[in-house]
C-alpha atoms as a PDB file:
ATOM      1  CA  MET A   1      70.119  87.471 123.549  1.00  0.00           C
ATOM      2  CA  LYS A   2      68.763  84.487 125.412  1.00  0.00           C
ATOM      3  CA  ILE A   3      69.935  84.052 129.000  1.00  0.00           C
ATOM      4  CA  ASP A   4      69.515  80.913 131.106  1.00  0.00           C
ATOM      5  CA  ASN A   5      70.256  81.166 134.817  1.00  0.00           C
ATOM      6  CA  LEU A   6      71.468  77.732 135.924  1.00  0.00           C
ATOM      7  CA  VAL A   7      72.614  76.262 139.223  1.00  0.00           C
ATOM      8  CA  TYR A   8      75.179  73.819 137.781  1.00  0.00           C
ATOM      9  CA  PRO A   9      77.258  73.884 134.581  1.00  0.00           C
ATOM     10  CA  GLU A  10      76.287  71.757 131.614  1.00  0.00           C
ATOM     11  CA  ALA A  11      78.540  69.019 130.179  1.00  0.00           C
ATOM     12  CA  ASP A  12      80.207  71.251 127.559  1.00  0.00           C
ATOM     13  CA  GLN A  13      80.943  73.881 130.207  1.00  0.00           C
ATOM     14  CA  ILE A  14      82.465  71.291 132.533  1.00  0.00           C
ATOM     15  CA  ALA A  15      84.653  70.060 129.679  1.00  0.00           C
ATOM     16  CA  ALA A  16      85.796  73.633 128.946  1.00  0.00           C
ATOM     17  CA  MET A  17      86.636  74.200 132.622  1.00  0.00           C
ATOM     18  CA  GLN A  18      88.911  71.149 132.500  1.00  0.00           C
ATOM     19  CA  GLU A  19      91.043  72.701 129.754  1.00  0.00           C
ATOM     20  CA  ALA A  20      94.207  74.542 130.747  1.00  0.00           C
ATOM     21  CA  GLY A  21      92.706  78.006 130.344  1.00  0.00           C
ATOM     22  CA  PRO A  22      94.453  81.346 130.252  1.00  0.00           C
ATOM     23  CA  ASP A  23      97.843  81.908 131.876  1.00  0.00           C
ATOM     24  CA  GLY A  24      97.677  83.675 135.185  1.00  0.00           C
ATOM     25  CA  PRO A  25      94.770  84.779 137.336  1.00  0.00           C
ATOM     26  CA  ILE A  26      91.110  84.717 136.408  1.00  0.00           C
ATOM     27  CA  VAL A  27      88.276  86.675 137.955  1.00  0.00           C
ATOM     28  CA  MET A  28      84.895  85.002 138.035  1.00  0.00           C
ATOM     29  CA  VAL A  29      81.925  87.334 137.724  1.00  0.00           C
ATOM     30  CA  ASN A  30      78.987  85.685 139.491  1.00  0.00           C
ATOM     31  CA  LEU A  31      75.529  87.066 138.733  1.00  0.00           C
ATOM     32  CA  LEU A  32      73.258  85.551 141.361  1.00  0.00           C
ATOM     33  CA  LYS A  33      69.478  85.111 141.359  1.00  0.00           C
ATOM     34  CA  PHE A  34      68.017  83.872 144.637  1.00  0.00           C
ATOM     35  CA  ARG A  35      64.925  81.818 145.346  1.00  0.00           C
ATOM     36  CA  GLU A  36      62.342  83.621 147.445  1.00  0.00           C
ATOM     37  CA  LYS A  37      62.510  80.764 149.973  1.00  0.00           C
ATOM     38  CA  ALA A  38      65.324  78.241 150.363  1.00  0.00           C
ATOM     39  CA  GLN A  39      64.565  74.792 148.993  1.00  0.00           C
ATOM     40  CA  TYR A  40      66.641  72.177 150.763  1.00  0.00           C
ATOM     41  CA  ALA A  41      66.228  68.628 149.442  1.00  0.00           C
ATOM     42  CA  ASP A  42      65.766  67.366 153.019  1.00  0.00           C
ATOM     43  CA  GLY A  43      63.090  69.990 153.775  1.00  0.00           C
ATOM     44  CA  ARG A  44      65.033  71.833 156.443  1.00  0.00           C
ATOM     45  CA  ASP A  45      64.642  75.565 157.123  1.00  0.00           C
ATOM     46  CA  PRO A  46      61.466  76.124 155.060  1.00  0.00           C
ATOM     47  CA  ASP A  47      61.191  79.745 156.247  1.00  0.00           C
ATOM     48  CA  LEU A  48      64.779  80.667 155.365  1.00  0.00           C
ATOM     49  CA  SER A  49      65.194  82.999 152.414  1.00  0.00           C
ATOM     50  CA  GLY A  50      67.130  81.858 149.372  1.00  0.00           C
ATOM     51  CA  ARG A  51      69.540  84.739 149.926  1.00  0.00           C
ATOM     52  CA  ASP A  52      70.245  83.576 153.492  1.00  0.00           C
ATOM     53  CA  ALA A  53      70.782  79.974 152.370  1.00  0.00           C
ATOM     54  CA  TYR A  54      73.233  81.154 149.705  1.00  0.00           C
ATOM     55  CA  HIS A  55      75.041  83.322 152.232  1.00  0.00           C
ATOM     56  CA  ARG A  56      75.592  80.211 154.361  1.00  0.00           C
ATOM     57  CA  TYR A  57      77.391  78.830 151.317  1.00  0.00           C
ATOM     58  CA  GLY A  58      79.258  82.109 150.790  1.00  0.00           C
ATOM     59  CA  THR A  59      80.555  82.140 154.347  1.00  0.00           C
ATOM     60  CA  ALA A  60      81.721  78.526 154.094  1.00  0.00           C
ATOM     61  CA  VAL A  61      83.304  78.866 150.643  1.00  0.00           C
ATOM     62  CA  VAL A  62      85.695  81.697 151.574  1.00  0.00           C
ATOM     63  CA  PRO A  63      88.183  79.412 153.403  1.00  0.00           C
ATOM     64  CA  LEU A  64      88.078  76.994 150.457  1.00  0.00           C
ATOM     65  CA  LEU A  65      88.749  79.864 148.078  1.00  0.00           C
ATOM     66  CA  HIS A  66      91.707  80.975 150.193  1.00  0.00           C
ATOM     67  CA  GLY A  67      92.921  77.366 150.308  1.00  0.00           C
ATOM     68  CA  VAL A  68      93.438  77.333 146.523  1.00  0.00           C
ATOM     69  CA  GLY A  69      95.096  80.760 146.532  1.00  0.00           C
ATOM     70  CA  GLY A  70      91.991  82.756 145.639  1.00  0.00           C
ATOM     71  CA  ARG A  71      90.120  85.633 147.211  1.00  0.00           C
ATOM     72  CA  VAL A  72      86.791  87.426 147.178  1.00  0.00           C
ATOM     73  CA  ILE A  73      87.185  90.801 145.489  1.00  0.00           C
ATOM     74  CA  TYR A  74      83.666  92.170 145.834  1.00  0.00           C
ATOM     75  CA  THR A  75      80.075  91.297 146.646  1.00  0.00           C
ATOM     76  CA  GLY A  76      77.123  93.645 146.308  1.00  0.00           C
ATOM     77  CA  ASP A  77      73.398  93.875 145.741  1.00  0.00           C
ATOM     78  CA  VAL A  78      72.090  94.752 142.289  1.00  0.00           C
ATOM     79  CA  THR A  79      70.057  97.940 142.674  1.00  0.00           C
ATOM     80  CA  LEU A  80      69.546  99.404 139.182  1.00  0.00           C
ATOM     81  CA  LEU A  81      70.101  98.585 135.538  1.00  0.00           C
ATOM     82  CA  THR A  82      71.512 101.801 134.075  1.00  0.00           C
ATOM     83  CA  LEU A  83      72.172 100.594 130.524  1.00  0.00           C
ATOM     84  CA  GLY A  84      70.493  97.936 128.410  1.00  0.00           C
ATOM     85  CA  ARG A  85      67.374  95.900 129.093  1.00  0.00           C
ATOM     86  CA  ALA A  86      66.691  92.663 130.915  1.00  0.00           C
ATOM     87  CA  GLU A  87      63.394  91.064 131.788  1.00  0.00           C
ATOM     88  CA  GLU A  88      64.617  90.472 135.314  1.00  0.00           C
ATOM     89  CA  LEU A  89      67.724  91.604 137.184  1.00  0.00           C
ATOM     90  CA  TRP A  90      70.054  89.440 139.202  1.00  0.00           C
ATOM     91  CA  ASP A  91      69.958  89.982 142.950  1.00  0.00           C
ATOM     92  CA  GLU A  92      73.665  90.090 143.728  1.00  0.00           C
ATOM     93  CA  VAL A  93      77.058  90.250 142.039  1.00  0.00           C
ATOM     94  CA  ALA A  94      80.181  88.598 143.412  1.00  0.00           C
ATOM     95  CA  LEU A  95      83.721  88.758 142.028  1.00  0.00           C
ATOM     96  CA  ALA A  96      86.201  86.044 143.008  1.00  0.00           C
ATOM     97  CA  GLU A  97      89.813  85.839 141.879  1.00  0.00           C
ATOM     98  CA  TYR A  98      91.620  82.528 141.370  1.00  0.00           C
ATOM     99  CA  PRO A  99      95.298  82.056 140.514  1.00  0.00           C
ATOM    100  CA  ASN A 100      94.159  80.076 137.435  1.00  0.00           C
ATOM    101  CA  ARG A 101      91.277  78.016 136.093  1.00  0.00           C
ATOM    102  CA  ALA A 102      92.748  74.842 137.598  1.00  0.00           C
ATOM    103  CA  ALA A 103      92.391  76.331 141.097  1.00  0.00           C
ATOM    104  CA  LEU A 104      88.697  77.015 140.484  1.00  0.00           C
ATOM    105  CA  LEU A 105      88.204  73.464 139.235  1.00  0.00           C
ATOM    106  CA  LYS A 106      90.107  72.001 142.184  1.00  0.00           C
ATOM    107  CA  MET A 107      87.982  73.907 144.678  1.00  0.00           C
ATOM    108  CA  SER A 108      84.636  73.271 142.999  1.00  0.00           C
ATOM    109  CA  THR A 109      85.202  69.529 142.694  1.00  0.00           C
ATOM    110  CA  SER A 110      86.504  68.996 146.230  1.00  0.00           C
ATOM    111  CA  GLU A 111      84.676  67.005 148.914  1.00  0.00           C
ATOM    112  CA  GLU A 112      84.674  70.121 151.095  1.00  0.00           C
ATOM    113  CA  TRP A 113      82.925  72.127 148.371  1.00  0.00           C
ATOM    114  CA  ARG A 114      80.351  69.386 147.783  1.00  0.00           C
ATOM    115  CA  ALA A 115      79.559  69.389 151.513  1.00  0.00           C
ATOM    116  CA  ILE A 116      78.611  73.089 151.483  1.00  0.00           C
ATOM    117  CA  ALA A 117      77.035  73.177 148.008  1.00  0.00           C
ATOM    118  CA  VAL A 118      73.721  72.114 149.552  1.00  0.00           C
ATOM    119  CA  HIS A 119      73.283  75.741 150.708  1.00  0.00           C
ATOM    120  CA  ARG A 120      74.126  77.087 147.258  1.00  0.00           C
ATOM    121  CA  GLU A 121      71.604  74.773 145.629  1.00  0.00           C
ATOM    122  CA  ALA A 122      68.918  75.583 148.200  1.00  0.00           C
ATOM    123  CA  GLY A 123      69.359  79.317 147.799  1.00  0.00           C
ATOM    124  CA  LEU A 124      69.888  79.860 144.092  1.00  0.00           C
ATOM    125  CA  ALA A 125      67.210  80.122 141.456  1.00  0.00           C
ATOM    126  CA  GLY A 126      70.149  80.332 139.064  1.00  0.00           C
ATOM    127  CA  GLN A 127      73.256  82.259 138.163  1.00  0.00           C
ATOM    128  CA  LEU A 128      75.691  83.180 135.456  1.00  0.00           C
ATOM    129  CA  ASN A 129      79.426  82.599 136.044  1.00  0.00           C
ATOM    130  CA  ILE A 130      81.646  84.511 133.659  1.00  0.00           C
ATOM    131  CA  GLU A 131      85.391  83.852 133.527  1.00  0.00           C
ATOM    132  CA  THR A 132      87.401  87.004 132.866  1.00  0.00           C
ATOM    133  CA  VAL A 133      91.105  87.823 132.603  1.00  0.00           C
ATOM    134  CA  PRO A 134      92.784  91.142 133.345  1.00  0.00           C
ATOM    135  CA  THR A 135      93.330  93.352 130.299  1.00  0.00           C
ATOM    136  CA  LEU A 136      95.101  96.228 132.010  1.00  0.00           C
ATOM    137  CA  PRO A 137      97.975  96.200 134.490  1.00  0.00           C
ATOM    138  CA  PRO A 138      96.851  96.786 138.089  1.00  0.00           C
ATOM    139  CA  ARG A 139      96.665 100.433 139.121  1.00  0.00           C
ATOM    140  CA  ARG A 140      98.932 101.575 141.902  1.00  0.00           C
ATOM    141  CA  ALA A 141      97.428 103.375 144.898  1.00  0.00           C
ATOM    142  CA  ARG A 142      97.957 107.126 144.739  1.00  0.00           C
END
């Protein structure tokens, strides 16, 4: 299996995101790989870590996510690969729920998103974004 961490989707992926998609909510699994040091195009903050630059983006994207009816479900550091093999692990995993694919597209093509994406680009060495849909009904609290 070949894996390419990228910072932006390729043309065929953008086209697929513009299709209607599944009915109902989607959960995006984000596997994040950070740069050791942030790389801003304008040269700012040369001593900032890639993780910290990305977290600037993460903090700013939450209101945008809420604005399209979405929410952050989980974020956490990757600490161990317990099954399978990979040359290199991702640094962090984030799960974000959207009411539908159109909401994700609306958010990620907005002017507000473009304004904060500079932090995402500066911080990420690459990532995988995986669209998922629920297969089981939600469990009720006991």
